[in-house]
Amino acid sequence: MKLEQEFDPRKNALNALRLALAISVILWHSFPLTGRDVPFVPARQLLGEIGVDGFFAISGFLITSSWLRHPRVRDYVVARGLRILPGFYVCLVVTAFVIAPIGVAIQGGQAAKLLLSTAPIVYVLKNATVWIFQFDVGGTPTGVPHPGAWDGPLWTLGYELLCYIGVACFGIAGLLGRRWFLPAAMALCWSALLLSTALDLPRMAHDPARFAVMFLAGALIHRYQDIIPARWSLVAVSAVIVLAAGLLPDYRLIAAVPLAYAVIVSGALIHHKRFRLRTDLSYGIYIYAFPIQQLLVICGIGFVNPFAFWVIATTATLPIAALSWTLVEKRATSWKSRLLRRWSAPAGDRQRGENISS
């Protein structure tokens, strides 16, 4: 059966897989944040990057689908903005005005002094564009294996936003509807990734190609879902390719599309209702886990085995992610749904609704 026939937008396991990917990011950060290192280089590359790469592949699949279903700029911008920005801004405020002062207080410092300074406001304002220019809040955290950074993973959201903008721009230009465009874009970005890897260029040059390749891998899966078979055997083969590619300097040069296939097709093939999560905690886990892990290290828990630390950190982060979903993200999503329904209603229906409400 083809992926187009197998994938049900309302009945799939992609939310569950995104949750698993977010939790895998916590595992990776449990090593450097406690002052350890992953000893095996291929495992270091895969463990450290597959979680985020999987996120970008799923985004490429879903965001491309979103534009092609409803190619309207206003709807697209509102939908993307309300899904990402409210949770992001609340996280900035909570990190600056709650988590950082708590960390200072636990270490015996003057939390009130930090709160009354301009440091929390500066942290929020400098990062308000979703491009992270400052990771510390008034020089904190200190006295930890990874100082000067309260929420490291936020830096990837800027690239996510750039991918969203790219979809809108190419969609407006009419290129997303051309079957040749996405393979051509993938070839160009893959070549840039190969060049940056071969020349060992700094991350500033490497990361744009990395994220573009993974996002486009998901977009390609969506664009050709009418001819791509959805089989567990091919998921297994893709997983083997990803693991083997870990021996390369950059596994994505071979495994970008196989990773995207494995994640997306798994989400389509898992039909059990327990994996059809109606709540999406993955975003909240992704943006809050790192500062929670830093707090746990400050509290003295960093001495435990990284895998035990991973379990503790995940357990501590889940309630915060649930609050983020319930109080912020879910409400923003409901606003998005109401706005899109209102804009898509016929003009006569909107006028009658306005008359009744007035």
Protein backbone atom coordinates (compact mmCIF):
# COMPACT_ATOMS: atom_id res chain seq x y z
CA MET A 1 0.00 0.00 0.00
CA LYS A 2 1.23 3.52 -0.79
CA LEU A 3 1.90 6.06 1.92
CA GLU A 4 -0.85 8.32 0.59
CA GLN A 5 -3.40 5.54 1.24
CA GLU A 6 -1.92 4.54 4.60
CA PHE A 7 -1.49 7.96 6.20
CA ASP A 8 -4.56 9.34 7.99
CA PRO A 9 -4.07 12.98 9.11
CA ARG A 10 -6.39 12.37 12.07
CA LYS A 11 -5.28 8.87 13.02
CA ASN A 12 -1.50 8.56 13.13
CA ALA A 13 1.29 8.22 15.66
CA LEU A 14 3.38 11.24 14.69
CA ASN A 15 2.66 13.02 17.98
CA ALA A 16 3.86 9.93 19.87
CA LEU A 17 7.00 9.77 17.75
CA ARG A 18 7.71 13.46 18.28
CA LEU A 19 7.36 12.86 22.01
CA ALA A 20 9.89 10.01 21.78
CA LEU A 21 12.27 12.21 19.76
CA ALA A 22 12.01 15.01 22.34
CA ILE A 23 12.78 12.55 25.15
CA SER A 24 15.78 11.29 23.18
CA VAL A 25 17.11 14.86 23.15
CA ILE A 26 16.92 14.85 26.96
CA LEU A 27 19.07 11.69 26.95
CA TRP A 28 21.70 13.33 24.75
CA HIS A 29 21.87 16.44 26.93
CA SER A 30 22.16 14.28 30.06
CA PHE A 31 25.78 13.57 29.14
CA PRO A 32 27.32 17.05 28.64
CA LEU A 33 25.13 18.67 31.31
CA THR A 34 26.51 16.25 33.90
CA GLY A 35 30.08 16.61 32.63
CA ARG A 36 30.23 13.29 30.75
CA ASP A 37 30.85 12.39 27.14
CA VAL A 38 29.50 9.66 24.89
CA PRO A 39 32.59 7.50 24.31
CA PHE A 40 31.68 6.00 20.92
CA VAL A 41 31.86 8.62 18.15
CA PRO A 42 29.10 7.18 15.87
CA ALA A 43 26.78 6.88 18.86
CA ARG A 44 27.64 10.45 19.82
CA GLN A 45 26.60 11.72 16.39
CA LEU A 46 23.38 9.70 16.20
CA LEU A 47 22.31 10.22 19.80
CA GLY A 48 23.05 13.91 19.64
CA GLU A 49 21.35 14.69 16.35
CA ILE A 50 18.69 12.15 15.35
CA GLY A 51 16.13 13.60 17.76
CA VAL A 52 16.27 17.09 16.28
CA ASP A 53 16.66 15.79 12.72
CA GLY A 54 13.57 13.64 13.15
CA PHE A 55 11.65 16.72 14.29
CA PHE A 56 12.69 18.59 11.13
CA ALA A 57 11.73 15.66 8.89
CA ILE A 58 8.25 15.43 10.42
CA SER A 59 7.89 19.21 10.13
CA GLY A 60 8.86 19.07 6.47
CA PHE A 61 6.17 16.47 5.85
CA LEU A 62 3.41 18.21 7.81
CA ILE A 63 4.18 21.83 6.92
CA THR A 64 4.39 21.07 3.20
CA SER A 65 1.07 19.26 3.50
CA SER A 66 -0.43 22.23 5.33
CA TRP A 67 0.54 24.69 2.60
CA LEU A 68 -0.58 22.46 -0.27
CA ARG A 69 -3.97 21.88 1.38
CA HIS A 70 -4.55 25.56 2.21
CA PRO A 71 -2.22 27.76 0.13
CA ARG A 72 -3.26 31.03 1.76
CA VAL A 73 -0.56 33.20 3.27
CA ARG A 74 -2.66 34.64 6.10
CA ASP A 75 -3.92 31.23 7.20
CA TYR A 76 -0.46 29.72 6.98
CA VAL A 77 1.26 32.50 8.95
CA VAL A 78 -1.36 32.48 11.69
CA ALA A 79 -1.31 28.69 11.99
CA ARG A 80 2.48 28.49 12.21
CA GLY A 81 2.83 31.51 14.47
CA LEU A 82 0.22 30.41 17.01
CA ARG A 83 1.73 26.94 17.22
CA ILE A 84 5.30 28.08 17.89
CA LEU A 85 5.42 31.62 19.30
CA PRO A 86 3.13 31.63 22.39
CA GLY A 87 4.89 28.65 23.98
CA PHE A 88 8.28 30.07 23.02
CA TYR A 89 7.66 33.50 24.55
CA VAL A 90 6.22 32.07 27.75
CA CYS A 91 9.28 29.81 27.99
CA LEU A 92 11.59 32.82 27.65
CA VAL A 93 9.76 34.63 30.45
CA VAL A 94 9.64 31.59 32.73
CA THR A 95 13.33 30.88 32.17
CA ALA A 96 14.38 34.49 32.82
CA PHE A 97 12.08 35.35 35.72
CA VAL A 98 11.52 31.98 37.43
CA ILE A 99 14.05 29.27 36.58
CA ALA A 100 17.21 31.42 36.57
CA PRO A 101 16.41 33.12 39.92
CA ILE A 102 15.58 29.75 41.46
CA GLY A 103 18.95 28.44 40.30
CA VAL A 104 20.72 31.45 41.81
CA ALA A 105 18.84 31.02 45.10
CA ILE A 106 19.70 27.31 45.32
CA GLN A 107 23.38 28.19 44.93
CA GLY A 108 23.12 30.72 47.75
CA GLY A 109 23.14 33.78 45.52
CA GLN A 110 20.88 36.81 45.54
CA ALA A 111 17.85 35.90 43.42
CA ALA A 112 16.17 39.23 44.17
CA LYS A 113 19.19 41.10 42.80
CA LEU A 114 18.92 39.17 39.55
CA LEU A 115 15.17 39.78 39.33
CA LEU A 116 15.54 43.51 39.95
CA SER A 117 18.28 43.86 37.36
CA THR A 118 17.75 44.31 33.63
CA ALA A 119 19.20 40.85 32.89
CA PRO A 120 15.89 38.94 32.64
CA ILE A 121 14.35 41.61 30.41
CA VAL A 122 17.45 41.71 28.22
CA TYR A 123 17.35 37.92 27.87
CA VAL A 124 13.72 37.99 26.69
CA LEU A 125 14.15 40.94 24.33
CA LYS A 126 17.38 39.72 22.73
CA ASN A 127 15.79 36.37 21.92
CA ALA A 128 12.35 37.66 20.95
CA THR A 129 12.99 37.21 17.22
CA VAL A 130 13.28 33.42 17.80
CA TRP A 131 16.92 33.72 16.81
CA ILE A 132 18.84 33.12 20.03
CA PHE A 133 21.44 35.80 20.64
CA GLN A 134 21.87 35.25 24.38
CA PHE A 135 21.84 32.00 26.34
CA ASP A 136 22.67 33.27 29.84
CA VAL A 137 20.59 35.35 32.21
CA GLY A 138 22.91 37.83 33.89
CA GLY A 139 25.85 35.45 33.51
CA THR A 140 23.97 32.51 35.04
CA PRO A 141 24.03 29.57 35.37
CA THR A 142 27.46 29.19 36.93
CA GLY A 143 29.18 26.36 38.78
CA VAL A 144 27.83 23.69 36.42
CA PRO A 145 29.59 21.58 33.75
CA HIS A 146 27.80 23.56 31.02
CA PRO A 147 27.76 27.17 32.28
CA GLY A 148 26.28 30.26 30.68
CA ALA A 149 23.32 28.57 28.99
CA TRP A 150 19.85 28.12 30.42
CA ASP A 151 18.05 26.82 27.34
CA GLY A 152 20.44 25.60 24.68
CA PRO A 153 17.97 23.81 22.33
CA LEU A 154 16.10 27.03 21.52
CA TRP A 155 18.72 27.88 18.89
CA THR A 156 17.24 25.32 16.47
CA LEU A 157 13.85 27.06 16.42
CA GLY A 158 15.26 29.87 14.30
CA TYR A 159 16.09 27.36 11.57
CA GLU A 160 12.63 25.82 11.92
CA LEU A 161 11.12 29.26 11.37
CA LEU A 162 13.32 29.81 8.31
CA CYS A 163 12.05 26.52 6.86
CA TYR A 164 8.46 27.69 7.41
CA ILE A 165 9.24 30.95 5.63
CA GLY A 166 10.83 29.03 2.79
CA VAL A 167 7.70 26.91 2.30
CA ALA A 168 5.56 30.06 2.14
CA CYS A 169 7.89 31.79 -0.33
CA PHE A 170 8.17 28.78 -2.63
CA GLY A 171 4.44 28.18 -2.32
CA ILE A 172 3.60 31.75 -3.31
CA ALA A 173 5.95 31.40 -6.29
CA GLY A 174 4.07 28.27 -7.34
CA LEU A 175 7.14 26.07 -7.06
CA LEU A 176 5.87 23.61 -4.43
CA GLY A 177 3.32 22.33 -6.91
CA ARG A 178 6.03 21.40 -9.43
CA ARG A 179 7.22 17.82 -9.00
CA TRP A 180 10.76 18.72 -10.02
CA PHE A 181 11.26 21.51 -7.51
CA LEU A 182 11.74 19.63 -4.23
CA PRO A 183 14.26 17.12 -5.70
CA ALA A 184 16.19 20.05 -7.18
CA ALA A 185 16.16 21.93 -3.86
CA MET A 186 17.24 18.75 -2.05
CA ALA A 187 20.13 18.21 -4.48
CA LEU A 188 21.30 21.78 -3.96
CA CYS A 189 21.14 21.60 -0.15
CA TRP A 190 22.71 18.12 -0.11
CA SER A 191 25.61 19.48 -2.18
CA ALA A 192 26.03 22.32 0.32
CA LEU A 193 26.03 19.78 3.17
CA LEU A 194 28.62 17.64 1.38
CA LEU A 195 30.84 20.66 0.76
CA SER A 196 30.63 21.92 4.33
CA THR A 197 31.41 18.42 5.64
CA ALA A 198 34.33 17.88 3.25
CA LEU A 199 35.85 21.27 4.08
CA ASP A 200 35.06 20.90 7.80
CA LEU A 201 33.39 24.31 7.81
CA PRO A 202 32.21 25.85 11.11
CA ARG A 203 28.70 25.22 12.38
CA MET A 204 27.49 28.57 11.10
CA ALA A 205 27.98 27.23 7.57
CA HIS A 206 27.09 23.60 8.28
CA ASP A 207 23.83 23.95 10.23
CA PRO A 208 21.73 25.70 7.54
CA ALA A 209 22.49 22.87 5.11
CA ARG A 210 21.83 20.25 7.79
CA PHE A 211 18.40 21.52 8.72
CA ALA A 212 17.40 22.27 5.12
CA VAL A 213 18.29 18.72 4.09
CA MET A 214 16.25 17.16 6.89
CA PHE A 215 13.24 19.43 6.33
CA LEU A 216 13.35 18.76 2.59
CA ALA A 217 13.62 15.02 3.23
CA GLY A 218 10.25 15.14 4.98
CA ALA A 219 8.82 17.40 2.27
CA LEU A 220 9.97 14.92 -0.40
CA ILE A 221 8.25 12.06 1.41
CA HIS A 222 5.02 14.06 1.32
CA ARG A 223 5.39 15.17 -2.30
CA TYR A 224 5.84 11.62 -3.55
CA GLN A 225 3.59 9.82 -1.08
CA ASP A 226 1.44 8.64 -3.99
CA ILE A 227 4.26 6.37 -5.21
CA ILE A 228 6.18 5.67 -1.96
CA PRO A 229 5.27 2.28 -0.44
CA ALA A 230 4.52 2.16 3.29
CA ARG A 231 5.97 -1.09 4.67
CA TRP A 232 7.51 -2.12 7.95
CA SER A 233 10.22 -4.01 6.09
CA LEU A 234 11.35 -0.77 4.43
CA VAL A 235 11.24 1.00 7.81
CA ALA A 236 13.64 -1.66 9.14
CA VAL A 237 15.95 -1.26 6.15
CA SER A 238 15.90 2.52 6.61
CA ALA A 239 16.79 2.15 10.29
CA VAL A 240 19.77 -0.06 9.40
CA ILE A 241 20.96 2.52 6.87
CA VAL A 242 20.74 5.27 9.49
CA LEU A 243 22.76 3.24 12.01
CA ALA A 244 25.40 2.32 9.44
CA ALA A 245 25.66 5.93 8.27
CA GLY A 246 26.69 6.90 11.79
CA LEU A 247 30.22 5.87 10.80
CA LEU A 248 30.39 8.78 8.34
CA PRO A 249 31.47 12.32 9.26
CA ASP A 250 27.85 13.35 8.65
CA TYR A 251 25.32 10.54 8.58
CA ARG A 252 22.74 12.72 6.79
CA LEU A 253 24.71 12.52 3.53
CA ILE A 254 23.32 9.00 3.14
CA ALA A 255 20.61 8.70 5.76
CA ALA A 256 18.54 11.90 5.58
CA VAL A 257 15.78 10.41 3.45
CA PRO A 258 15.90 6.97 5.16
CA LEU A 259 15.53 8.66 8.56
CA ALA A 260 12.60 10.73 7.29
CA TYR A 261 11.02 7.61 5.78
CA ALA A 262 11.47 5.56 8.96
CA VAL A 263 9.91 8.21 11.21
CA ILE A 264 7.05 9.31 8.95
CA VAL A 265 6.04 5.87 7.69
CA SER A 266 6.18 4.46 11.23
CA GLY A 267 3.77 7.20 12.25
CA ALA A 268 1.45 6.20 9.42
CA LEU A 269 1.64 2.45 10.06
CA ILE A 270 1.05 2.53 13.83
CA HIS A 271 -2.72 2.35 14.12
CA HIS A 272 -3.21 1.50 17.79
CA LYS A 273 -5.36 4.17 19.41
CA ARG A 274 -3.01 4.46 22.40
CA PHE A 275 -0.42 6.03 20.12
CA ARG A 276 -2.85 8.59 18.68
CA LEU A 277 -1.95 11.27 21.17
CA ARG A 278 -4.41 14.16 21.19
CA THR A 279 -2.03 16.21 23.28
CA ASP A 280 1.36 17.18 21.87
CA LEU A 281 3.79 17.44 24.76
CA SER A 282 6.87 17.21 22.53
CA TYR A 283 7.27 20.96 22.06
CA GLY A 284 6.97 21.68 25.78
CA ILE A 285 9.50 18.96 26.56
CA TYR A 286 11.87 20.29 23.94
CA ILE A 287 11.86 23.89 25.19
CA TYR A 288 11.77 23.21 28.96
CA ALA A 289 13.91 20.09 29.46
CA PHE A 290 17.29 21.84 29.23
CA PRO A 291 16.64 24.47 31.95
CA ILE A 292 15.08 21.79 34.15
CA GLN A 293 18.19 19.66 33.67
CA GLN A 294 20.40 22.62 34.61
CA LEU A 295 18.35 23.10 37.78
CA LEU A 296 18.73 19.41 38.65
CA VAL A 297 22.52 19.69 38.26
CA ILE A 298 22.50 22.78 40.48
CA CYS A 299 20.53 20.78 43.05
CA GLY A 300 23.37 18.23 43.13
CA ILE A 301 21.77 15.43 41.12
CA GLY A 302 24.36 15.55 38.35
CA PHE A 303 26.50 12.89 40.04
CA VAL A 304 24.16 10.05 39.04
CA ASN A 305 24.60 7.92 35.93
CA PRO A 306 23.51 9.86 32.78
CA PHE A 307 20.78 7.31 32.07
CA ALA A 308 19.40 7.68 35.60
CA PHE A 309 19.68 11.45 35.22
CA TRP A 310 17.72 11.14 31.95
CA VAL A 311 14.87 9.35 33.74
CA ILE A 312 14.81 11.93 36.55
CA ALA A 313 14.94 14.86 34.12
CA THR A 314 12.19 13.42 31.92
CA THR A 315 9.98 12.83 34.95
CA ALA A 316 10.57 16.40 36.15
CA THR A 317 9.96 17.94 32.72
CA LEU A 318 6.73 16.14 31.81
CA PRO A 319 4.52 18.13 34.25
CA ILE A 320 6.00 21.42 32.98
CA ALA A 321 5.36 20.35 29.39
CA ALA A 322 1.80 19.41 30.31
CA LEU A 323 1.25 22.86 31.81
CA SER A 324 2.71 24.47 28.71
CA TRP A 325 0.32 22.49 26.52
CA THR A 326 -2.76 23.05 28.68
CA LEU A 327 -2.29 26.70 29.59
CA VAL A 328 -0.55 28.06 26.48
CA GLU A 329 -0.21 25.86 23.41
CA LYS A 330 -3.68 24.27 23.44
CA ARG A 331 -5.35 27.65 23.90
CA ALA A 332 -3.31 29.17 21.10
CA THR A 333 -4.26 26.22 18.88
CA SER A 334 -7.95 26.79 19.65
CA TRP A 335 -7.57 30.47 18.69
CA LYS A 336 -5.97 29.33 15.45
CA SER A 337 -8.85 26.97 14.70
CA ARG A 338 -11.48 29.62 15.40
CA LEU A 339 -9.73 32.19 13.23
CA LEU A 340 -9.29 29.80 10.33
CA ARG A 341 -12.94 28.71 10.50
CA ARG A 342 -14.05 32.33 10.58
CA TRP A 343 -11.92 33.28 7.59
CA SER A 344 -12.98 30.24 5.58
CA ALA A 345 -16.71 30.83 6.16
CA PRO A 346 -18.70 32.42 3.30
CA ALA A 347 -19.03 36.21 3.48
CA GLY A 348 -22.77 35.96 4.14
CA ASP A 349 -22.24 33.64 7.09
CA ARG A 350 -19.62 35.96 8.56
CA GLN A 351 -21.95 38.93 8.22
CA ARG A 352 -24.81 37.09 9.95
CA GLY A 353 -22.46 36.08 12.74
CA GLU A 354 -21.32 39.66 13.20
CA ASN A 355 -24.94 40.86 13.31
CA ILE A 356 -25.84 38.27 15.92
CA SER A 357 -22.77 39.05 18.07
CA SER A 358 -23.50 42.76 17.92
